[in-house]
Amino acid sequence: PTSAPTPTPDPTASWKTYSNIPLKYSIKLPAQYSALDAEFNPVNDPSNAPMIGFLKYTSPEAKNIQKDRETNYYESVSILSQGNSPCSVSAPENTKERAEITIDGIRGVKWTGIDAKFGDPFLADTIVRVNRNSKCFQIFYLRDPMRLQDSGKLFDQILSTFKFTQ
């Protein structure tokens, strides 16, 4: 007799889903992430933002403490959607690695830089670019320098949840 394979639990099952209806995408993020605007204020209705940032907070109170903002930048995710032009194919300055990736069935490029200056003004060391329907989607990520390997795995999990809608 053979035993049935044990299903692998979905590590993102308990994550919350952020949906941007006008720009036609959704993404799942761990519960401790909060949607913030460009000035790092909580976003009441993030469903219509062409540029949205998500910072990771260790507690509900942390997002209100200005001095703790810097530590909350690590593992932050920002998404920028740009209108009627394809993404640039040239590598950003200070690129360390380039990889072809697929996001929701669409090919894209993932660049990893040397440090957080790589993706300024988005405080990123990893940038993903994907073209869809004449729009350039850029996803920015800042790895935690104390746990680079694990932090990169988290971003890959987050990217695996990015879906284009319609």
N, C-alpha and C. Protein backbone atom coordinates (compact mmCIF):
# COMPACT_ATOMS: atom_id res chain seq x y z
N PRO A 1 0.83 -1.20 0.00
CA PRO A 1 0.00 0.00 0.00
C PRO A 1 0.87 1.26 0.00
N THR A 2 0.39 2.29 -0.70
CA THR A 2 1.11 3.56 -0.72
C THR A 2 0.31 4.60 0.06
N SER A 3 1.04 5.48 0.69
CA SER A 3 0.37 6.53 1.46
C SER A 3 0.24 7.79 0.59
N ALA A 4 -0.82 8.51 0.84
CA ALA A 4 -1.04 9.76 0.11
C ALA A 4 -0.02 10.80 0.59
N PRO A 5 0.48 11.62 -0.34
CA PRO A 5 1.44 12.64 0.09
C PRO A 5 0.77 13.65 1.03
N THR A 6 1.55 14.09 1.99
CA THR A 6 1.06 15.09 2.94
C THR A 6 1.06 16.45 2.25
N PRO A 7 -0.08 17.15 2.26
CA PRO A 7 -0.10 18.46 1.62
C PRO A 7 0.82 19.44 2.34
N THR A 8 1.50 20.27 1.57
CA THR A 8 2.37 21.29 2.14
C THR A 8 1.52 22.48 2.56
N PRO A 9 1.61 22.89 3.81
CA PRO A 9 0.81 24.05 4.23
C PRO A 9 1.27 25.32 3.52
N ASP A 10 0.33 26.19 3.20
CA ASP A 10 0.63 27.46 2.55
C ASP A 10 1.13 28.44 3.61
N PRO A 11 2.42 28.85 3.54
CA PRO A 11 2.95 29.76 4.56
C PRO A 11 2.31 31.15 4.49
N THR A 12 1.61 31.45 3.41
CA THR A 12 0.98 32.77 3.28
C THR A 12 -0.52 32.73 3.58
N ALA A 13 -1.03 31.61 4.04
CA ALA A 13 -2.47 31.45 4.25
C ALA A 13 -3.03 32.47 5.25
N SER A 14 -2.29 32.84 6.26
CA SER A 14 -2.80 33.78 7.27
C SER A 14 -2.49 35.24 6.93
N TRP A 15 -1.83 35.49 5.81
CA TRP A 15 -1.48 36.85 5.44
C TRP A 15 -2.71 37.61 4.97
N LYS A 16 -2.64 38.93 5.05
CA LYS A 16 -3.76 39.74 4.57
C LYS A 16 -3.51 40.14 3.10
N THR A 17 -4.59 40.31 2.37
CA THR A 17 -4.51 40.64 0.95
C THR A 17 -4.79 42.12 0.76
N TYR A 18 -3.90 42.78 0.02
CA TYR A 18 -4.09 44.16 -0.39
C TYR A 18 -4.46 44.12 -1.86
N SER A 19 -5.55 44.77 -2.25
CA SER A 19 -5.99 44.80 -3.64
C SER A 19 -6.05 46.24 -4.14
N ASN A 20 -5.46 46.47 -5.30
CA ASN A 20 -5.56 47.77 -5.95
C ASN A 20 -6.45 47.56 -7.17
N ILE A 21 -7.71 47.95 -7.05
CA ILE A 21 -8.70 47.67 -8.09
C ILE A 21 -8.43 48.46 -9.37
N PRO A 22 -8.16 49.79 -9.31
CA PRO A 22 -7.91 50.52 -10.55
C PRO A 22 -6.68 50.02 -11.31
N LEU A 23 -5.64 49.63 -10.58
CA LEU A 23 -4.41 49.17 -11.24
C LEU A 23 -4.39 47.67 -11.47
N LYS A 24 -5.42 46.99 -11.01
CA LYS A 24 -5.66 45.57 -11.31
C LYS A 24 -4.56 44.63 -10.82
N TYR A 25 -4.26 44.71 -9.51
CA TYR A 25 -3.36 43.74 -8.92
C TYR A 25 -3.70 43.53 -7.46
N SER A 26 -3.21 42.42 -6.92
CA SER A 26 -3.33 42.17 -5.49
C SER A 26 -2.02 41.53 -5.02
N ILE A 27 -1.79 41.65 -3.72
CA ILE A 27 -0.59 41.08 -3.12
C ILE A 27 -0.94 40.73 -1.68
N LYS A 28 -0.34 39.65 -1.19
CA LYS A 28 -0.53 39.26 0.21
C LYS A 28 0.71 39.63 1.00
N LEU A 29 0.48 40.08 2.24
CA LEU A 29 1.57 40.47 3.13
C LEU A 29 1.31 39.95 4.53
N PRO A 30 2.39 39.68 5.27
CA PRO A 30 2.20 39.25 6.66
C PRO A 30 1.39 40.30 7.44
N ALA A 31 0.70 39.86 8.48
CA ALA A 31 -0.23 40.70 9.24
C ALA A 31 0.42 41.95 9.82
N GLN A 32 1.72 41.92 10.13
CA GLN A 32 2.33 43.07 10.78
C GLN A 32 2.69 44.21 9.81
N TYR A 33 2.37 44.06 8.53
CA TYR A 33 2.63 45.13 7.55
C TYR A 33 1.45 46.10 7.52
N SER A 34 1.78 47.40 7.40
CA SER A 34 0.76 48.44 7.29
C SER A 34 0.99 49.24 6.03
N ALA A 35 -0.09 49.58 5.33
CA ALA A 35 -0.01 50.39 4.13
C ALA A 35 0.22 51.84 4.52
N LEU A 36 1.22 52.45 3.89
CA LEU A 36 1.58 53.83 4.19
C LEU A 36 1.73 54.62 2.90
N ASP A 37 1.45 55.93 2.95
CA ASP A 37 1.66 56.74 1.77
C ASP A 37 3.12 57.17 1.71
N ALA A 38 3.44 57.99 0.72
CA ALA A 38 4.84 58.38 0.49
C ALA A 38 5.44 59.14 1.67
N GLU A 39 4.61 59.77 2.47
CA GLU A 39 5.11 60.48 3.65
C GLU A 39 5.06 59.60 4.90
N PHE A 40 4.78 58.33 4.73
CA PHE A 40 4.73 57.35 5.81
C PHE A 40 3.63 57.64 6.83
N ASN A 41 2.47 58.00 6.32
CA ASN A 41 1.27 58.12 7.13
C ASN A 41 0.37 56.96 6.78
N PRO A 42 -0.40 56.45 7.73
CA PRO A 42 -1.31 55.35 7.39
C PRO A 42 -2.26 55.74 6.25
N VAL A 43 -2.48 54.83 5.34
CA VAL A 43 -3.38 55.07 4.21
C VAL A 43 -4.75 54.53 4.58
N ASN A 44 -5.77 55.39 4.53
CA ASN A 44 -7.13 54.95 4.85
C ASN A 44 -7.72 54.08 3.75
N ASP A 45 -7.48 54.45 2.50
CA ASP A 45 -7.98 53.66 1.37
C ASP A 45 -6.86 53.46 0.37
N PRO A 46 -6.02 52.42 0.57
CA PRO A 46 -4.88 52.22 -0.31
C PRO A 46 -5.25 51.62 -1.67
N SER A 47 -6.53 51.37 -1.93
CA SER A 47 -6.93 50.66 -3.14
C SER A 47 -6.78 51.49 -4.41
N ASN A 48 -6.39 52.76 -4.31
CA ASN A 48 -6.31 53.61 -5.48
C ASN A 48 -4.93 54.27 -5.62
N ALA A 49 -3.92 53.77 -4.94
CA ALA A 49 -2.63 54.45 -4.91
C ALA A 49 -1.69 53.94 -6.01
N PRO A 50 -1.16 54.85 -6.88
CA PRO A 50 -0.19 54.41 -7.88
C PRO A 50 1.16 54.04 -7.26
N MET A 51 1.44 54.61 -6.07
CA MET A 51 2.65 54.27 -5.33
C MET A 51 2.21 53.98 -3.91
N ILE A 52 2.52 52.79 -3.44
CA ILE A 52 2.13 52.41 -2.08
C ILE A 52 3.30 51.72 -1.40
N GLY A 53 3.51 52.05 -0.15
CA GLY A 53 4.55 51.40 0.63
C GLY A 53 3.93 50.63 1.77
N PHE A 54 4.58 49.54 2.14
CA PHE A 54 4.13 48.74 3.27
C PHE A 54 5.33 48.57 4.20
N LEU A 55 5.18 49.03 5.43
CA LEU A 55 6.24 48.85 6.42
C LEU A 55 5.82 47.79 7.41
N LYS A 56 6.83 47.11 7.94
CA LYS A 56 6.60 46.04 8.91
C LYS A 56 6.74 46.60 10.31
N TYR A 57 5.73 46.39 11.12
CA TYR A 57 5.74 46.87 12.50
C TYR A 57 5.69 45.69 13.46
N THR A 58 6.44 45.82 14.54
CA THR A 58 6.48 44.75 15.53
C THR A 58 5.31 44.82 16.50
N SER A 59 4.64 45.98 16.53
CA SER A 59 3.46 46.14 17.39
C SER A 59 2.57 47.21 16.80
N PRO A 60 1.29 47.24 17.16
CA PRO A 60 0.41 48.30 16.65
C PRO A 60 0.90 49.70 17.03
N GLU A 61 1.57 49.82 18.18
CA GLU A 61 2.03 51.12 18.63
C GLU A 61 3.25 51.61 17.84
N ALA A 62 4.02 50.69 17.27
CA ALA A 62 5.29 51.06 16.63
C ALA A 62 5.10 52.04 15.49
N LYS A 63 3.99 51.95 14.75
CA LYS A 63 3.81 52.85 13.62
C LYS A 63 3.61 54.30 14.04
N ASN A 64 3.34 54.55 15.32
CA ASN A 64 3.14 55.91 15.79
C ASN A 64 4.39 56.51 16.42
N ILE A 65 5.46 55.76 16.48
CA ILE A 65 6.69 56.22 17.13
C ILE A 65 7.69 56.61 16.05
N GLN A 66 7.90 57.90 15.86
CA GLN A 66 8.76 58.41 14.80
C GLN A 66 10.18 57.84 14.88
N LYS A 67 10.75 57.76 16.08
CA LYS A 67 12.14 57.34 16.20
C LYS A 67 12.35 55.88 15.79
N ASP A 68 11.31 55.08 15.79
CA ASP A 68 11.46 53.68 15.41
C ASP A 68 11.26 53.44 13.92
N ARG A 69 11.03 54.47 13.15
CA ARG A 69 10.75 54.30 11.72
C ARG A 69 11.90 53.60 10.99
N GLU A 70 13.15 53.97 11.32
CA GLU A 70 14.27 53.39 10.58
C GLU A 70 14.30 51.87 10.66
N THR A 71 14.08 51.31 11.82
CA THR A 71 14.12 49.85 11.94
C THR A 71 12.95 49.22 11.19
N ASN A 72 11.87 49.97 11.02
CA ASN A 72 10.72 49.44 10.31
C ASN A 72 10.88 49.47 8.79
N TYR A 73 11.91 50.16 8.29
CA TYR A 73 12.16 50.15 6.85
C TYR A 73 12.58 48.77 6.38
N TYR A 74 13.30 48.02 7.23
CA TYR A 74 13.77 46.71 6.80
C TYR A 74 12.60 45.81 6.47
N GLU A 75 12.73 45.10 5.38
CA GLU A 75 11.70 44.20 4.85
C GLU A 75 10.47 44.97 4.40
N SER A 76 10.64 46.27 4.13
CA SER A 76 9.53 47.05 3.59
C SER A 76 9.33 46.70 2.11
N VAL A 77 8.10 46.84 1.66
CA VAL A 77 7.72 46.56 0.28
C VAL A 77 7.05 47.81 -0.27
N SER A 78 7.47 48.28 -1.44
CA SER A 78 6.81 49.39 -2.11
C SER A 78 6.46 48.96 -3.52
N ILE A 79 5.30 49.40 -3.99
CA ILE A 79 4.85 49.06 -5.33
C ILE A 79 4.55 50.36 -6.06
N LEU A 80 5.13 50.51 -7.23
CA LEU A 80 4.92 51.68 -8.07
C LEU A 80 4.40 51.22 -9.41
N SER A 81 3.29 51.78 -9.85
CA SER A 81 2.75 51.49 -11.16
C SER A 81 2.86 52.75 -12.01
N GLN A 82 3.50 52.60 -13.18
CA GLN A 82 3.69 53.75 -14.05
C GLN A 82 2.93 53.55 -15.35
N GLY A 83 2.27 54.61 -15.78
CA GLY A 83 1.38 54.64 -16.94
C GLY A 83 1.80 53.97 -18.22
N ASN A 84 1.72 54.66 -19.29
CA ASN A 84 1.77 54.08 -20.63
C ASN A 84 3.17 53.93 -21.19
N SER A 85 4.08 53.40 -20.44
CA SER A 85 5.41 53.13 -20.98
C SER A 85 5.95 51.86 -20.33
N PRO A 86 6.68 51.07 -21.11
CA PRO A 86 7.24 49.85 -20.54
C PRO A 86 8.36 50.17 -19.55
N CYS A 87 8.66 49.19 -18.73
CA CYS A 87 9.75 49.34 -17.76
C CYS A 87 11.08 49.49 -18.49
N SER A 88 11.97 50.22 -17.89
CA SER A 88 13.32 50.33 -18.41
C SER A 88 13.99 48.97 -18.36
N VAL A 89 14.74 48.65 -19.40
CA VAL A 89 15.46 47.37 -19.41
C VAL A 89 16.89 47.53 -18.90
N SER A 90 17.31 48.77 -18.69
CA SER A 90 18.68 48.97 -18.21
C SER A 90 18.74 48.74 -16.70
N ALA A 91 19.87 48.22 -16.28
CA ALA A 91 20.07 47.91 -14.86
C ALA A 91 20.25 49.19 -14.06
N PRO A 92 19.68 49.23 -12.85
CA PRO A 92 19.95 50.38 -11.96
C PRO A 92 21.43 50.41 -11.59
N GLU A 93 21.90 51.59 -11.19
CA GLU A 93 23.29 51.71 -10.74
C GLU A 93 23.54 50.80 -9.55
N ASN A 94 24.77 50.35 -9.42
CA ASN A 94 25.21 49.51 -8.30
C ASN A 94 24.52 48.14 -8.25
N THR A 95 24.13 47.63 -9.42
CA THR A 95 23.52 46.31 -9.47
C THR A 95 24.56 45.25 -9.16
N LYS A 96 24.20 44.33 -8.27
CA LYS A 96 25.07 43.21 -7.92
C LYS A 96 24.63 41.95 -8.64
N GLU A 97 23.31 41.69 -8.70
CA GLU A 97 22.78 40.49 -9.34
C GLU A 97 21.57 40.83 -10.18
N ARG A 98 21.39 40.07 -11.26
CA ARG A 98 20.21 40.20 -12.11
C ARG A 98 19.64 38.81 -12.32
N ALA A 99 18.31 38.68 -12.20
CA ALA A 99 17.68 37.37 -12.41
C ALA A 99 16.37 37.55 -13.17
N GLU A 100 16.12 36.64 -14.10
CA GLU A 100 14.84 36.60 -14.79
C GLU A 100 13.85 35.91 -13.84
N ILE A 101 12.65 36.47 -13.69
CA ILE A 101 11.65 35.86 -12.83
C ILE A 101 10.30 35.86 -13.55
N THR A 102 9.36 35.14 -12.99
CA THR A 102 7.99 35.13 -13.50
C THR A 102 7.07 35.49 -12.35
N ILE A 103 6.22 36.48 -12.60
CA ILE A 103 5.23 36.89 -11.61
C ILE A 103 3.86 36.71 -12.23
N ASP A 104 3.07 35.83 -11.66
CA ASP A 104 1.72 35.56 -12.15
C ASP A 104 1.72 35.28 -13.65
N GLY A 105 2.69 34.51 -14.09
CA GLY A 105 2.77 34.09 -15.49
C GLY A 105 3.42 35.10 -16.43
N ILE A 106 3.86 36.23 -15.92
CA ILE A 106 4.48 37.26 -16.76
C ILE A 106 5.95 37.39 -16.39
N ARG A 107 6.78 37.37 -17.43
CA ARG A 107 8.23 37.46 -17.19
C ARG A 107 8.62 38.85 -16.76
N GLY A 108 9.56 38.90 -15.84
CA GLY A 108 10.08 40.16 -15.34
C GLY A 108 11.54 40.01 -14.99
N VAL A 109 12.09 41.05 -14.41
CA VAL A 109 13.51 41.05 -14.03
C VAL A 109 13.61 41.49 -12.57
N LYS A 110 14.51 40.83 -11.85
CA LYS A 110 14.77 41.15 -10.44
C LYS A 110 16.24 41.55 -10.33
N TRP A 111 16.48 42.76 -9.86
CA TRP A 111 17.83 43.24 -9.63
C TRP A 111 18.07 43.37 -8.14
N THR A 112 19.24 42.95 -7.70
CA THR A 112 19.65 43.14 -6.32
C THR A 112 20.87 44.04 -6.34
N GLY A 113 20.85 45.05 -5.48
CA GLY A 113 21.93 46.01 -5.44
C GLY A 113 22.89 45.77 -4.30
N ILE A 114 23.83 46.66 -4.21
CA ILE A 114 24.88 46.53 -3.20
C ILE A 114 24.36 46.93 -1.82
N ASP A 115 23.53 47.99 -1.75
CA ASP A 115 23.03 48.46 -0.46
C ASP A 115 21.73 49.22 -0.67
N ALA A 116 21.23 49.85 0.37
CA ALA A 116 19.93 50.53 0.31
C ALA A 116 19.94 51.76 -0.59
N LYS A 117 21.10 52.27 -0.98
CA LYS A 117 21.15 53.42 -1.89
C LYS A 117 20.74 53.01 -3.30
N PHE A 118 20.78 51.74 -3.58
CA PHE A 118 20.48 51.19 -4.89
C PHE A 118 19.11 51.63 -5.40
N GLY A 119 18.10 51.59 -4.56
CA GLY A 119 16.74 51.88 -5.01
C GLY A 119 16.20 53.21 -4.54
N ASP A 120 17.06 54.12 -4.08
CA ASP A 120 16.54 55.41 -3.63
C ASP A 120 15.67 56.01 -4.71
N PRO A 121 14.56 56.68 -4.38
CA PRO A 121 14.15 57.12 -3.06
C PRO A 121 13.32 56.10 -2.30
N PHE A 122 13.30 54.86 -2.74
CA PHE A 122 12.43 53.86 -2.16
C PHE A 122 13.10 53.01 -1.10
N LEU A 123 14.32 53.35 -0.70
CA LEU A 123 15.06 52.58 0.30
C LEU A 123 15.01 51.09 -0.01
N ALA A 124 15.49 50.74 -1.19
CA ALA A 124 15.43 49.35 -1.61
C ALA A 124 16.81 48.83 -1.96
N ASP A 125 17.01 47.54 -1.77
CA ASP A 125 18.21 46.92 -2.32
C ASP A 125 17.82 45.84 -3.33
N THR A 126 16.51 45.66 -3.54
CA THR A 126 16.01 44.73 -4.54
C THR A 126 14.88 45.42 -5.30
N ILE A 127 14.93 45.35 -6.62
CA ILE A 127 13.90 45.94 -7.46
C ILE A 127 13.43 44.89 -8.46
N VAL A 128 12.12 44.72 -8.57
CA VAL A 128 11.52 43.83 -9.56
C VAL A 128 10.74 44.70 -10.53
N ARG A 129 10.91 44.45 -11.83
CA ARG A 129 10.15 45.18 -12.85
C ARG A 129 9.41 44.19 -13.73
N VAL A 130 8.12 44.48 -13.94
CA VAL A 130 7.26 43.63 -14.77
C VAL A 130 6.39 44.54 -15.62
N ASN A 131 6.29 44.25 -16.91
CA ASN A 131 5.40 44.99 -17.81
C ASN A 131 4.10 44.23 -17.99
N ARG A 132 2.98 44.95 -17.88
CA ARG A 132 1.68 44.33 -18.15
C ARG A 132 0.73 45.39 -18.69
N ASN A 133 0.15 45.12 -19.84
CA ASN A 133 -0.82 46.03 -20.46
C ASN A 133 -0.29 47.46 -20.54
N SER A 134 0.91 47.61 -21.05
CA SER A 134 1.55 48.92 -21.23
C SER A 134 1.80 49.67 -19.93
N LYS A 135 1.79 48.98 -18.83
CA LYS A 135 2.13 49.58 -17.54
C LYS A 135 3.39 48.91 -17.00
N CYS A 136 4.21 49.70 -16.37
CA CYS A 136 5.39 49.18 -15.70
C CYS A 136 5.08 49.07 -14.21
N PHE A 137 5.18 47.86 -13.70
CA PHE A 137 5.03 47.63 -12.26
C PHE A 137 6.42 47.41 -11.69
N GLN A 138 6.75 48.21 -10.68
CA GLN A 138 8.03 48.05 -9.99
C GLN A 138 7.75 47.73 -8.53
N ILE A 139 8.41 46.72 -8.03
CA ILE A 139 8.25 46.31 -6.64
C ILE A 139 9.62 46.45 -5.98
N PHE A 140 9.67 47.23 -4.92
CA PHE A 140 10.92 47.54 -4.23
C PHE A 140 10.93 46.84 -2.87
N TYR A 141 12.11 46.38 -2.46
CA TYR A 141 12.23 45.66 -1.20
C TYR A 141 13.57 45.99 -0.55
N LEU A 142 13.55 46.18 0.77
CA LEU A 142 14.78 46.42 1.52
C LEU A 142 15.00 45.27 2.48
N ARG A 143 16.03 44.48 2.21
CA ARG A 143 16.33 43.32 3.06
C ARG A 143 16.92 43.78 4.40
N ASP A 144 16.69 42.98 5.40
CA ASP A 144 17.27 43.22 6.72
C ASP A 144 18.74 42.81 6.67
N PRO A 145 19.68 43.73 6.87
CA PRO A 145 21.09 43.38 6.74
C PRO A 145 21.56 42.34 7.75
N MET A 146 20.81 42.17 8.84
CA MET A 146 21.20 41.19 9.85
C MET A 146 20.78 39.77 9.46
N ARG A 147 19.83 39.64 8.53
CA ARG A 147 19.38 38.31 8.11
C ARG A 147 19.10 38.30 6.61
N LEU A 148 20.12 38.56 5.84
CA LEU A 148 19.95 38.71 4.39
C LEU A 148 19.34 37.48 3.74
N GLN A 149 19.77 36.29 4.09
CA GLN A 149 19.24 35.08 3.46
C GLN A 149 17.76 34.91 3.74
N ASP A 150 17.37 34.96 5.02
CA ASP A 150 15.97 34.77 5.39
C ASP A 150 15.10 35.90 4.84
N SER A 151 15.63 37.12 4.85
CA SER A 151 14.89 38.27 4.39
C SER A 151 14.58 38.14 2.90
N GLY A 152 15.54 37.64 2.13
CA GLY A 152 15.31 37.42 0.70
C GLY A 152 14.25 36.36 0.45
N LYS A 153 14.20 35.35 1.31
CA LYS A 153 13.18 34.30 1.18
C LYS A 153 11.79 34.87 1.44
N LEU A 154 11.70 35.79 2.40
CA LEU A 154 10.41 36.42 2.68
C LEU A 154 9.93 37.19 1.45
N PHE A 155 10.82 37.92 0.82
CA PHE A 155 10.43 38.68 -0.37
C PHE A 155 9.97 37.75 -1.48
N ASP A 156 10.66 36.63 -1.66
CA ASP A 156 10.23 35.66 -2.67
C ASP A 156 8.82 35.13 -2.36
N GLN A 157 8.52 34.91 -1.09
CA GLN A 157 7.17 34.48 -0.71
C GLN A 157 6.15 35.57 -1.03
N ILE A 158 6.50 36.82 -0.71
CA ILE A 158 5.60 37.93 -1.00
C ILE A 158 5.38 38.03 -2.51
N LEU A 159 6.46 37.94 -3.29
CA LEU A 159 6.32 38.00 -4.75
C LEU A 159 5.43 36.89 -5.29
N SER A 160 5.49 35.72 -4.67
CA SER A 160 4.67 34.59 -5.15
C SER A 160 3.18 34.86 -4.99
N THR A 161 2.81 35.83 -4.16
CA THR A 161 1.39 36.15 -3.95
C THR A 161 0.91 37.28 -4.84
N PHE A 162 1.81 37.94 -5.56
CA PHE A 162 1.44 39.06 -6.42
C PHE A 162 0.64 38.52 -7.60
N LYS A 163 -0.58 39.02 -7.78
CA LYS A 163 -1.46 38.56 -8.85
C LYS A 163 -2.00 39.76 -9.60
N PHE A 164 -2.08 39.61 -10.92
CA PHE A 164 -2.77 40.60 -11.74
C PHE A 164 -4.22 40.18 -11.82
N THR A 165 -5.12 41.15 -11.69
CA THR A 165 -6.54 40.85 -11.75
C THR A 165 -7.09 41.37 -13.07
N GLN A 166 -8.08 40.70 -13.60
CA GLN A 166 -8.74 41.04 -14.87
C GLN A 166 -7.83 40.98 -16.05
